[in-house]
Structure formats: C-alpha cells, structure tokens
Amino acid sequence: MAKLLEGKFVAEIIKEQLRSEITNLKIAPVLASIIVGNNSSSLAYIKSQEKTAISLGIIYKLHKFPENISEKELADFIIRLNQDKSINGVILQRPLPLVLDYIKISSMISAGKDVEGIHPSNMGRLVFGKSGIYACTAGAVMELLKSTGIDLYGKEAVIVGSSEIVGKPIALLLLEKFATVTVCHIATSEAGRLKEHVKRAEILIVAVGRAGLIKGQWIKKGAIVIDVGINRLNDLIVGDVDFKTAEKRASFITPVPGGVGPLTVVILMRNLIEATKLQQ
C-alpha cells in the first residue's frame, strides 16, 4: 500500500523556511493580486492566498475589476504596478473573461515581479536552469518528489499533460535532476500508446483534468504517482488517476484533494520572496 504524499505537511516545512527568509529581508514583501469579475474558483484561491500571506507576514493587496474592463485599462494598471517600487510581486488571477487574452496580458507583468513564473523570460531562464522563479504547480510537484527522499537521477519519469504551466516546466525541472523524461499528450492517447508509457514510469505525474484517465492497473509496482488533476465527479473531487487501484501498486501517491493543491500557494509565496531578494 502506497504512502500518502500530503501537501500540507511539506507546506508547513517550507513556510517555516520562508518566515526565516522574510526576517532576513527586513521588509514585508508586498503581493498585488488582480481579479476580473467574480469567478467562484478564483475567489476561493484568493482567500487561500491571502490567508497564507498573512500567516507569513506578507502584505496582500487585492485589486478587483469588473468583467467589462477593457484590455487597455487592465494593461495600464499592470504597467503602473510594474513601476511601483513598493510592489514586489504581481499575480493576475485566472480565468479572465473570454474577450481578454490571458497570455498577452499576463506577459505584461514584469519578469521581476512575475510570481507565477510564467513570463516568457522566466520560462526561458528555466530552460537554461537559471530561474529561481518558476510555475507554482511545477514547484509543488518537485517539492513532493523531494519529500520522498528518492534520487531522481536516471529514473524513468512520465508526464501526462503538456501544458505551459504544468507539464512543460515539470519536464524541464526533472531534466535538471537528470531524470529520463517522457511527455505524453493528446496525440499519445490517440495513437493508443498512453498505457505503454505509463506502465514503465517510475515517476508518474498526471495533469490533464480528466477523471479516471489513468487506470490503476497501469501503474508500475513501486512507482511514485503525483496526481495534479482536479475533477468534480458527482459530489466528489477526484484526480486523473484511479486512486483505489493505484494506491495498491505505488510506493508513494498524492491524494486528491490534499496532495499538490496545499503546496501551490506556498510556492507562490516563495516566488514572491525570491523576487523581493532579486529586487533588493
């Protein structure tokens, strides 16, 4: 039976480290958060961000805008935050109304204040192994893997999902640890080869958003399974992996909810502190 990788325990360890770093900064870092509209999932995430920020001694400034804000108005506001030396980090909450281009607008956030690690410059630095600021979910996954104590050197790592904010940055971070990385995507599935790749994974990371995509019987005995997926199934929240069967085969596995999720906000705050140090 697999050991559960619960994010809250790892999060508490990192939070203690961050409190010490903030003390050494001699200032309280300031995070500016922007939300457009009243999306319920965004509001829940904001509440979690604010709670974590306050617990660490970080100043959290929330800026709310109506759904009918123009792209120019939003861009102008972001530019003002970039120029404001009292602001150390900026986050643009997702989703935006469909008329607004999230990639275009979020890229206007200064690379030095991009606490989500998704600015093209920060993504580029990650390719060269030079970035201390990278996508929060990817950072959470790496911290969970680190908590297992397993050496990733030479391990067969399979990532299911190739998004810009999860799959791709995780692949780059695993390559830095000299894991052998395979990235699967929709074409892998359509070619009927997803099962064969998953079955050889010693490290399996799944981030698709499709309940039950990965069958428990596919899991290699002793594999580490990180399930990033969040899906609502009837009244339950489940991941992308068939947990009950996978739990019997894996050595470590994340629960959903309670695995990756609790760590992402803490990694966001770690990125903020890193940005503040760079600014100083």
C-alpha atoms as a PDB file:
ATOM      1  CA  MET A   1       0.000   0.000   0.000  1.00  0.00           C
ATOM      2  CA  ALA A   2       1.369   3.392  -1.030  1.00  0.00           C
ATOM      3  CA  LYS A   3       2.407   6.080   1.410  1.00  0.00           C
ATOM      4  CA  LEU A   4       0.327   9.241   1.010  1.00  0.00           C
ATOM      5  CA  LEU A   5       2.122  12.403  -0.116  1.00  0.00           C
ATOM      6  CA  GLU A   6       0.073  15.046   1.663  1.00  0.00           C
ATOM      7  CA  GLY A   7       0.976  18.571   0.643  1.00  0.00           C
ATOM      8  CA  LYS A   8       0.069  20.242   3.928  1.00  0.00           C
ATOM      9  CA  PHE A   9       2.992  18.670   5.790  1.00  0.00           C
ATOM     10  CA  VAL A  10       5.554  19.717   3.182  1.00  0.00           C
ATOM     11  CA  ALA A  11       3.911  23.163   3.024  1.00  0.00           C
ATOM     12  CA  GLU A  12       4.435  23.720   6.757  1.00  0.00           C
ATOM     13  CA  ILE A  13       8.149  22.923   6.482  1.00  0.00           C
ATOM     14  CA  ILE A  14       8.567  25.396   3.605  1.00  0.00           C
ATOM     15  CA  LYS A  15       6.556  28.069   5.432  1.00  0.00           C
ATOM     16  CA  GLU A  16       8.967  27.899   8.372  1.00  0.00           C
ATOM     17  CA  GLN A  17      11.876  28.429   5.971  1.00  0.00           C
ATOM     18  CA  LEU A  18      10.070  31.374   4.364  1.00  0.00           C
ATOM     19  CA  ARG A  19       9.425  33.072   7.714  1.00  0.00           C
ATOM     20  CA  SER A  20      13.167  32.993   8.371  1.00  0.00           C
ATOM     21  CA  GLU A  21      13.896  34.454   4.916  1.00  0.00           C
ATOM     22  CA  ILE A  22      11.363  37.253   5.410  1.00  0.00           C
ATOM     23  CA  THR A  23      13.015  38.155   8.713  1.00  0.00           C
ATOM     24  CA  ASN A  24      16.342  38.461   6.904  1.00  0.00           C
ATOM     25  CA  LEU A  25      14.751  40.698   4.234  1.00  0.00           C
ATOM     26  CA  LYS A  26      13.936  43.280   6.925  1.00  0.00           C
ATOM     27  CA  ILE A  27      10.829  44.320   4.935  1.00  0.00           C
ATOM     28  CA  ALA A  28       7.394  42.776   4.492  1.00  0.00           C
ATOM     29  CA  PRO A  29       7.087  41.700   0.833  1.00  0.00           C
ATOM     30  CA  VAL A  30       4.016  43.100  -0.940  1.00  0.00           C
ATOM     31  CA  LEU A  31       1.934  40.994  -3.335  1.00  0.00           C
ATOM     32  CA  ALA A  32      -0.569  42.696  -5.654  1.00  0.00           C
ATOM     33  CA  SER A  33      -3.378  40.397  -6.763  1.00  0.00           C
ATOM     34  CA  ILE A  34      -5.686  41.264  -9.673  1.00  0.00           C
ATOM     35  CA  ILE A  35      -9.094  39.688 -10.251  1.00  0.00           C
ATOM     36  CA  VAL A  36     -11.523  40.494 -13.062  1.00  0.00           C
ATOM     37  CA  GLY A  37     -15.126  39.516 -12.367  1.00  0.00           C
ATOM     38  CA  ASN A  38     -16.359  37.174  -9.631  1.00  0.00           C
ATOM     39  CA  ASN A  39     -15.339  33.660 -10.624  1.00  0.00           C
ATOM     40  CA  SER A  40     -16.002  31.401  -7.613  1.00  0.00           C
ATOM     41  CA  SER A  41     -12.855  29.276  -8.027  1.00  0.00           C
ATOM     42  CA  SER A  42     -10.710  32.415  -8.325  1.00  0.00           C
ATOM     43  CA  LEU A  43     -12.276  33.880  -5.185  1.00  0.00           C
ATOM     44  CA  ALA A  44     -11.552  30.655  -3.273  1.00  0.00           C
ATOM     45  CA  TYR A  45      -7.929  30.699  -4.456  1.00  0.00           C
ATOM     46  CA  ILE A  46      -7.603  34.358  -3.447  1.00  0.00           C
ATOM     47  CA  LYS A  47      -8.865  33.561   0.042  1.00  0.00           C
ATOM     48  CA  SER A  48      -6.221  30.836   0.346  1.00  0.00           C
ATOM     49  CA  GLN A  49      -3.504  33.191  -0.949  1.00  0.00           C
ATOM     50  CA  GLU A  50      -4.443  35.947   1.482  1.00  0.00           C
ATOM     51  CA  LYS A  51      -4.592  33.576   4.451  1.00  0.00           C
ATOM     52  CA  THR A  52      -1.149  32.149   3.653  1.00  0.00           C
ATOM     53  CA  ALA A  53       0.328  35.595   3.030  1.00  0.00           C
ATOM     54  CA  ILE A  54      -0.905  36.938   6.373  1.00  0.00           C
ATOM     55  CA  SER A  55       0.458  33.882   8.197  1.00  0.00           C
ATOM     56  CA  LEU A  56       3.903  34.609   6.744  1.00  0.00           C
ATOM     57  CA  GLY A  57       3.902  38.379   7.339  1.00  0.00           C
ATOM     58  CA  ILE A  58       3.372  39.223   3.654  1.00  0.00           C
ATOM     59  CA  ILE A  59       1.196  42.203   2.675  1.00  0.00           C
ATOM     60  CA  TYR A  60      -1.565  41.106   0.282  1.00  0.00           C
ATOM     61  CA  LYS A  61      -3.241  43.803  -1.818  1.00  0.00           C
ATOM     62  CA  LEU A  62      -6.310  42.729  -3.790  1.00  0.00           C
ATOM     63  CA  HIS A  63      -7.447  44.779  -6.790  1.00  0.00           C
ATOM     64  CA  LYS A  64     -10.913  43.949  -8.158  1.00  0.00           C
ATOM     65  CA  PHE A  65     -12.142  44.956 -11.604  1.00  0.00           C
ATOM     66  CA  PRO A  66     -15.499  44.472 -13.354  1.00  0.00           C
ATOM     67  CA  GLU A  67     -15.876  41.957 -16.199  1.00  0.00           C
ATOM     68  CA  ASN A  68     -16.313  44.742 -18.740  1.00  0.00           C
ATOM     69  CA  ILE A  69     -12.867  46.267 -18.130  1.00  0.00           C
ATOM     70  CA  SER A  70     -11.022  46.894 -21.397  1.00  0.00           C
ATOM     71  CA  GLU A  71      -7.706  45.269 -22.266  1.00  0.00           C
ATOM     72  CA  LYS A  72      -6.044  48.700 -22.317  1.00  0.00           C
ATOM     73  CA  GLU A  73      -7.333  49.634 -18.857  1.00  0.00           C
ATOM     74  CA  LEU A  74      -6.070  46.352 -17.403  1.00  0.00           C
ATOM     75  CA  ALA A  75      -2.729  46.645 -19.192  1.00  0.00           C
ATOM     76  CA  ASP A  76      -2.273  50.229 -17.986  1.00  0.00           C
ATOM     77  CA  PHE A  77      -2.914  49.140 -14.398  1.00  0.00           C
ATOM     78  CA  ILE A  78      -0.353  46.331 -14.663  1.00  0.00           C
ATOM     79  CA  ILE A  79       2.210  48.783 -16.041  1.00  0.00           C
ATOM     80  CA  ARG A  80       1.631  51.038 -13.013  1.00  0.00           C
ATOM     81  CA  LEU A  81       2.222  48.084 -10.682  1.00  0.00           C
ATOM     82  CA  ASN A  82       5.423  47.247 -12.565  1.00  0.00           C
ATOM     83  CA  GLN A  83       6.658  50.806 -11.965  1.00  0.00           C
ATOM     84  CA  ASP A  84       5.587  50.922  -8.303  1.00  0.00           C
ATOM     85  CA  LYS A  85       8.697  50.116  -6.267  1.00  0.00           C
ATOM     86  CA  SER A  86       6.590  49.318  -3.189  1.00  0.00           C
ATOM     87  CA  ILE A  87       5.086  46.292  -5.001  1.00  0.00           C
ATOM     88  CA  ASN A  88       7.302  43.192  -5.073  1.00  0.00           C
ATOM     89  CA  GLY A  89       5.064  40.749  -6.923  1.00  0.00           C
ATOM     90  CA  VAL A  90       2.006  40.722  -9.173  1.00  0.00           C
ATOM     91  CA  ILE A  91      -0.444  37.904  -9.908  1.00  0.00           C
ATOM     92  CA  LEU A  92      -3.284  38.012 -12.439  1.00  0.00           C
ATOM     93  CA  GLN A  93      -5.988  35.581 -11.361  1.00  0.00           C
ATOM     94  CA  ARG A  94      -7.456  33.149 -13.854  1.00  0.00           C
ATOM     95  CA  PRO A  95      -9.774  32.788 -15.634  1.00  0.00           C
ATOM     96  CA  LEU A  96     -10.268  36.127 -17.368  1.00  0.00           C
ATOM     97  CA  PRO A  97     -13.418  36.966 -19.362  1.00  0.00           C
ATOM     98  CA  LEU A  98     -13.172  35.417 -22.836  1.00  0.00           C
ATOM     99  CA  VAL A  99     -12.734  38.805 -24.504  1.00  0.00           C
ATOM    100  CA  LEU A 100      -9.413  39.271 -22.673  1.00  0.00           C
ATOM    101  CA  ASP A 101      -6.257  37.435 -23.795  1.00  0.00           C
ATOM    102  CA  TYR A 102      -4.718  35.972 -20.617  1.00  0.00           C
ATOM    103  CA  ILE A 103      -1.354  35.095 -22.206  1.00  0.00           C
ATOM    104  CA  LYS A 104      -0.955  38.555 -23.719  1.00  0.00           C
ATOM    105  CA  ILE A 105      -1.979  40.442 -20.584  1.00  0.00           C
ATOM    106  CA  SER A 106      -0.109  38.292 -18.059  1.00  0.00           C
ATOM    107  CA  SER A 107       3.062  38.673 -20.161  1.00  0.00           C
ATOM    108  CA  MET A 108       2.866  42.407 -19.449  1.00  0.00           C
ATOM    109  CA  ILE A 109       3.732  41.724 -15.816  1.00  0.00           C
ATOM    110  CA  SER A 110       7.414  42.497 -15.313  1.00  0.00           C
ATOM    111  CA  ALA A 111       9.537  39.330 -15.276  1.00  0.00           C
ATOM    112  CA  GLY A 112      10.989  40.509 -11.960  1.00  0.00           C
ATOM    113  CA  LYS A 113       7.520  40.661 -10.383  1.00  0.00           C
ATOM    114  CA  ASP A 114       6.065  37.557 -12.061  1.00  0.00           C
ATOM    115  CA  VAL A 115       5.379  35.388  -9.010  1.00  0.00           C
ATOM    116  CA  GLU A 116       3.620  32.729 -11.099  1.00  0.00           C
ATOM    117  CA  GLY A 117       6.795  32.088 -13.075  1.00  0.00           C
ATOM    118  CA  ILE A 118       5.025  32.176 -16.439  1.00  0.00           C
ATOM    119  CA  HIS A 119       6.604  35.252 -18.035  1.00  0.00           C
ATOM    120  CA  PRO A 120       8.466  34.254 -21.241  1.00  0.00           C
ATOM    121  CA  SER A 121      11.743  35.464 -19.704  1.00  0.00           C
ATOM    122  CA  ASN A 122      11.310  33.278 -16.623  1.00  0.00           C
ATOM    123  CA  MET A 123      10.311  30.310 -18.779  1.00  0.00           C
ATOM    124  CA  GLY A 124      13.412  30.914 -20.887  1.00  0.00           C
ATOM    125  CA  ARG A 125      15.675  31.012 -17.832  1.00  0.00           C
ATOM    126  CA  LEU A 126      14.196  27.692 -16.731  1.00  0.00           C
ATOM    127  CA  VAL A 127      15.403  26.110 -19.989  1.00  0.00           C
ATOM    128  CA  PHE A 128      18.947  27.095 -19.009  1.00  0.00           C
ATOM    129  CA  GLY A 129      18.485  26.069 -15.361  1.00  0.00           C
ATOM    130  CA  LYS A 130      18.906  29.678 -14.235  1.00  0.00           C
ATOM    131  CA  SER A 131      15.461  30.577 -12.861  1.00  0.00           C
ATOM    132  CA  GLY A 132      14.622  30.730  -9.163  1.00  0.00           C
ATOM    133  CA  ILE A 133      11.063  31.692 -10.078  1.00  0.00           C
ATOM    134  CA  TYR A 134       9.014  29.041 -11.852  1.00  0.00           C
ATOM    135  CA  ALA A 135       5.424  27.869 -12.235  1.00  0.00           C
ATOM    136  CA  CYS A 136       3.861  27.216  -8.829  1.00  0.00           C
ATOM    137  CA  THR A 137       2.304  23.818  -9.593  1.00  0.00           C
ATOM    138  CA  ALA A 138       5.565  22.586 -11.090  1.00  0.00           C
ATOM    139  CA  GLY A 139       7.388  23.742  -7.967  1.00  0.00           C
ATOM    140  CA  ALA A 140       4.843  21.951  -5.769  1.00  0.00           C
ATOM    141  CA  VAL A 141       5.348  18.702  -7.687  1.00  0.00           C
ATOM    142  CA  MET A 142       9.118  18.916  -7.292  1.00  0.00           C
ATOM    143  CA  GLU A 143       8.818  19.542  -3.541  1.00  0.00           C
ATOM    144  CA  LEU A 144       6.594  16.474  -3.160  1.00  0.00           C
ATOM    145  CA  LEU A 145       9.118  14.366  -5.068  1.00  0.00           C
ATOM    146  CA  LYS A 146      11.907  15.763  -2.885  1.00  0.00           C
ATOM    147  CA  SER A 147       9.961  14.788   0.253  1.00  0.00           C
ATOM    148  CA  THR A 148      10.089  11.096  -0.746  1.00  0.00           C
ATOM    149  CA  GLY A 149      13.874  11.086  -0.423  1.00  0.00           C
ATOM    150  CA  ILE A 150      14.139   9.277  -3.772  1.00  0.00           C
ATOM    151  CA  ASP A 151      17.096  10.158  -6.004  1.00  0.00           C
ATOM    152  CA  LEU A 152      15.658  11.145  -9.396  1.00  0.00           C
ATOM    153  CA  TYR A 153      18.945  10.550 -11.234  1.00  0.00           C
ATOM    154  CA  GLY A 154      18.299   8.176 -14.155  1.00  0.00           C
ATOM    155  CA  LYS A 155      14.696   7.456 -13.152  1.00  0.00           C
ATOM    156  CA  GLU A 156      12.064   6.923 -15.852  1.00  0.00           C
ATOM    157  CA  ALA A 157       9.724   9.890 -15.432  1.00  0.00           C
ATOM    158  CA  VAL A 158       6.499  10.087 -17.444  1.00  0.00           C
ATOM    159  CA  ILE A 159       4.414  13.269 -17.527  1.00  0.00           C
ATOM    160  CA  VAL A 160       0.863  13.045 -18.851  1.00  0.00           C
ATOM    161  CA  GLY A 161      -0.165  16.542 -19.934  1.00  0.00           C
ATOM    162  CA  SER A 162       1.976  19.121 -21.739  1.00  0.00           C
ATOM    163  CA  SER A 163       0.564  22.478 -20.617  1.00  0.00           C
ATOM    164  CA  GLU A 164       2.752  25.574 -20.413  1.00  0.00           C
ATOM    165  CA  ILE A 165       2.191  25.997 -16.670  1.00  0.00           C
ATOM    166  CA  VAL A 166       2.442  22.366 -15.517  1.00  0.00           C
ATOM    167  CA  GLY A 167       3.698  19.684 -17.900  1.00  0.00           C
ATOM    168  CA  LYS A 168       6.428  21.618 -19.715  1.00  0.00           C
ATOM    169  CA  PRO A 169       8.052  23.273 -16.668  1.00  0.00           C
ATOM    170  CA  ILE A 170       7.945  19.979 -14.737  1.00  0.00           C
ATOM    171  CA  ALA A 171       9.734  18.283 -17.636  1.00  0.00           C
ATOM    172  CA  LEU A 172      12.480  20.921 -17.528  1.00  0.00           C
ATOM    173  CA  LEU A 173      12.850  20.677 -13.739  1.00  0.00           C
ATOM    174  CA  LEU A 174      13.099  16.876 -13.930  1.00  0.00           C
ATOM    175  CA  LEU A 175      15.744  17.135 -16.651  1.00  0.00           C
ATOM    176  CA  GLU A 176      17.790  19.286 -14.267  1.00  0.00           C
ATOM    177  CA  LYS A 177      17.731  16.319 -11.872  1.00  0.00           C
ATOM    178  CA  PHE A 178      18.861  14.011 -14.712  1.00  0.00           C
ATOM    179  CA  ALA A 179      15.652  12.013 -14.840  1.00  0.00           C
ATOM    180  CA  THR A 180      14.800  10.421 -18.192  1.00  0.00           C
ATOM    181  CA  VAL A 181      11.661  12.310 -19.191  1.00  0.00           C
ATOM    182  CA  THR A 182       8.773  11.334 -21.463  1.00  0.00           C
ATOM    183  CA  VAL A 183       5.918  13.799 -22.037  1.00  0.00           C
ATOM    184  CA  CYS A 184       2.582  12.342 -23.164  1.00  0.00           C
ATOM    185  CA  HIS A 185      -0.259  14.395 -24.667  1.00  0.00           C
ATOM    186  CA  ILE A 186      -3.426  14.013 -26.704  1.00  0.00           C
ATOM    187  CA  ALA A 187      -1.582  12.593 -29.712  1.00  0.00           C
ATOM    188  CA  THR A 188      -0.032   9.898 -27.481  1.00  0.00           C
ATOM    189  CA  SER A 189      -3.515   8.867 -26.403  1.00  0.00           C
ATOM    190  CA  GLU A 190      -4.933   8.991 -29.931  1.00  0.00           C
ATOM    191  CA  ALA A 191      -2.076   6.773 -31.118  1.00  0.00           C
ATOM    192  CA  GLY A 192      -3.084   4.226 -28.446  1.00  0.00           C
ATOM    193  CA  ARG A 193       0.296   4.415 -26.685  1.00  0.00           C
ATOM    194  CA  LEU A 194      -0.551   6.112 -23.382  1.00  0.00           C
ATOM    195  CA  LYS A 195      -0.815   2.834 -21.465  1.00  0.00           C
ATOM    196  CA  GLU A 196       2.609   1.560 -22.571  1.00  0.00           C
ATOM    197  CA  HIS A 197       4.334   4.775 -21.487  1.00  0.00           C
ATOM    198  CA  VAL A 198       2.551   4.896 -18.113  1.00  0.00           C
ATOM    199  CA  LYS A 199       3.381   1.243 -17.374  1.00  0.00           C
ATOM    200  CA  ARG A 200       7.133   1.892 -17.447  1.00  0.00           C
ATOM    201  CA  ALA A 201       7.042   5.060 -15.332  1.00  0.00           C
ATOM    202  CA  GLU A 202       8.994   5.011 -12.081  1.00  0.00           C
ATOM    203  CA  ILE A 203       7.846   8.602 -11.569  1.00  0.00           C
ATOM    204  CA  LEU A 204       4.358   9.365 -12.927  1.00  0.00           C
ATOM    205  CA  ILE A 205       2.946  12.897 -12.991  1.00  0.00           C
ATOM    206  CA  VAL A 206      -0.541  13.399 -14.404  1.00  0.00           C
ATOM    207  CA  ALA A 207      -2.016  16.843 -15.110  1.00  0.00           C
ATOM    208  CA  VAL A 208      -4.842  16.618 -17.621  1.00  0.00           C
ATOM    209  CA  GLY A 209      -8.151  17.275 -15.872  1.00  0.00           C
ATOM    210  CA  ARG A 210      -9.942  14.085 -16.864  1.00  0.00           C
ATOM    211  CA  ALA A 211     -11.249  11.820 -14.110  1.00  0.00           C
ATOM    212  CA  GLY A 212     -10.059   8.215 -14.271  1.00  0.00           C
ATOM    213  CA  LEU A 213      -7.830   8.766 -17.302  1.00  0.00           C
ATOM    214  CA  ILE A 214      -5.035   6.662 -15.813  1.00  0.00           C
ATOM    215  CA  LYS A 215      -6.090   3.151 -14.792  1.00  0.00           C
ATOM    216  CA  GLY A 216      -4.669   1.800 -11.545  1.00  0.00           C
ATOM    217  CA  GLN A 217      -3.563  -1.433 -13.245  1.00  0.00           C
ATOM    218  CA  TRP A 218      -1.214   0.577 -15.473  1.00  0.00           C
ATOM    219  CA  ILE A 219       0.881   1.756 -12.520  1.00  0.00           C
ATOM    220  CA  LYS A 220       4.308   0.161 -12.263  1.00  0.00           C
ATOM    221  CA  LYS A 221       4.921  -1.585  -8.932  1.00  0.00           C
ATOM    222  CA  GLY A 222       6.694   0.825  -6.595  1.00  0.00           C
ATOM    223  CA  ALA A 223       6.143   3.916  -8.754  1.00  0.00           C
ATOM    224  CA  ILE A 224       5.744   7.412  -7.326  1.00  0.00           C
ATOM    225  CA  VAL A 225       2.429   8.892  -8.515  1.00  0.00           C
ATOM    226  CA  ILE A 226       1.737  12.642  -8.443  1.00  0.00           C
ATOM    227  CA  ASP A 227      -1.845  13.424  -9.490  1.00  0.00           C
ATOM    228  CA  VAL A 228      -2.298  17.108 -10.318  1.00  0.00           C
ATOM    229  CA  GLY A 229      -5.788  16.667 -11.794  1.00  0.00           C
ATOM    230  CA  ILE A 230      -8.830  18.191 -10.094  1.00  0.00           C
ATOM    231  CA  ASN A 231     -12.207  16.928 -11.299  1.00  0.00           C
ATOM    232  CA  ARG A 232     -15.721  17.065  -9.895  1.00  0.00           C
ATOM    233  CA  LEU A 233     -17.429  13.669 -10.173  1.00  0.00           C
ATOM    234  CA  ASN A 234     -20.973  13.789  -8.820  1.00  0.00           C
ATOM    235  CA  ASP A 235     -20.377  15.184  -5.297  1.00  0.00           C
ATOM    236  CA  LEU A 236     -16.734  14.139  -5.125  1.00  0.00           C
ATOM    237  CA  ILE A 237     -13.441  15.807  -6.027  1.00  0.00           C
ATOM    238  CA  VAL A 238     -11.173  13.271  -7.738  1.00  0.00           C
ATOM    239  CA  GLY A 239      -7.916  13.264  -9.682  1.00  0.00           C
ATOM    240  CA  ASP A 240      -6.912  11.929 -13.082  1.00  0.00           C
ATOM    241  CA  VAL A 241      -5.667   8.615 -11.654  1.00  0.00           C
ATOM    242  CA  ASP A 242      -7.844   5.707 -10.492  1.00  0.00           C
ATOM    243  CA  PHE A 243      -6.705   6.154  -6.878  1.00  0.00           C
ATOM    244  CA  LYS A 244      -8.038   2.983  -5.202  1.00  0.00           C
ATOM    245  CA  THR A 245      -6.223   0.585  -7.513  1.00  0.00           C
ATOM    246  CA  ALA A 246      -3.140   2.775  -7.999  1.00  0.00           C
ATOM    247  CA  GLU A 247      -2.678   3.056  -4.223  1.00  0.00           C
ATOM    248  CA  LYS A 248      -2.141  -0.710  -4.030  1.00  0.00           C
ATOM    249  CA  ARG A 249       0.676  -0.633  -6.598  1.00  0.00           C
ATOM    250  CA  ALA A 250       2.522   2.647  -6.000  1.00  0.00           C
ATOM    251  CA  SER A 251       5.140   3.326  -3.303  1.00  0.00           C
ATOM    252  CA  PHE A 252       4.002   6.964  -2.898  1.00  0.00           C
ATOM    253  CA  ILE A 253       0.839   8.638  -4.165  1.00  0.00           C
ATOM    254  CA  THR A 254      -0.836  12.019  -3.735  1.00  0.00           C
ATOM    255  CA  PRO A 255      -4.434  12.160  -2.529  1.00  0.00           C
ATOM    256  CA  VAL A 256      -6.906  14.390  -4.383  1.00  0.00           C
ATOM    257  CA  PRO A 257      -7.691  16.758  -2.820  1.00  0.00           C
ATOM    258  CA  GLY A 258      -4.838  17.319  -0.363  1.00  0.00           C
ATOM    259  CA  GLY A 259      -1.777  16.494  -2.447  1.00  0.00           C
ATOM    260  CA  VAL A 260      -0.409  19.133  -4.796  1.00  0.00           C
ATOM    261  CA  GLY A 261      -3.017  21.811  -4.010  1.00  0.00           C
ATOM    262  CA  PRO A 262      -1.925  22.880  -0.489  1.00  0.00           C
ATOM    263  CA  LEU A 263       1.613  23.429  -1.753  1.00  0.00           C
ATOM    264  CA  THR A 264       0.928  25.668  -4.753  1.00  0.00           C
ATOM    265  CA  VAL A 265       0.085  28.757  -2.688  1.00  0.00           C
ATOM    266  CA  VAL A 266       3.224  28.306  -0.585  1.00  0.00           C
ATOM    267  CA  ILE A 267       5.363  28.070  -3.741  1.00  0.00           C
ATOM    268  CA  LEU A 268       3.686  31.285  -4.931  1.00  0.00           C
ATOM    269  CA  MET A 269       4.852  32.988  -1.729  1.00  0.00           C
ATOM    270  CA  ARG A 270       8.330  31.508  -2.141  1.00  0.00           C
ATOM    271  CA  ASN A 271       8.459  33.020  -5.632  1.00  0.00           C
ATOM    272  CA  LEU A 272       7.446  36.381  -4.153  1.00  0.00           C
ATOM    273  CA  ILE A 273      10.273  36.244  -1.627  1.00  0.00           C
ATOM    274  CA  GLU A 274      12.745  35.259  -4.360  1.00  0.00           C
ATOM    275  CA  ALA A 275      11.534  38.204  -6.466  1.00  0.00           C
ATOM    276  CA  THR A 276      11.926  40.552  -3.484  1.00  0.00           C
ATOM    277  CA  LYS A 277      15.500  39.374  -2.906  1.00  0.00           C
ATOM    278  CA  LEU A 278      16.353  39.930  -6.570  1.00  0.00           C
ATOM    279  CA  GLN A 279      14.873  43.431  -6.422  1.00  0.00           C
ATOM    280  CA  GLN A 280      16.988  44.274  -3.388  1.00  0.00           C
END
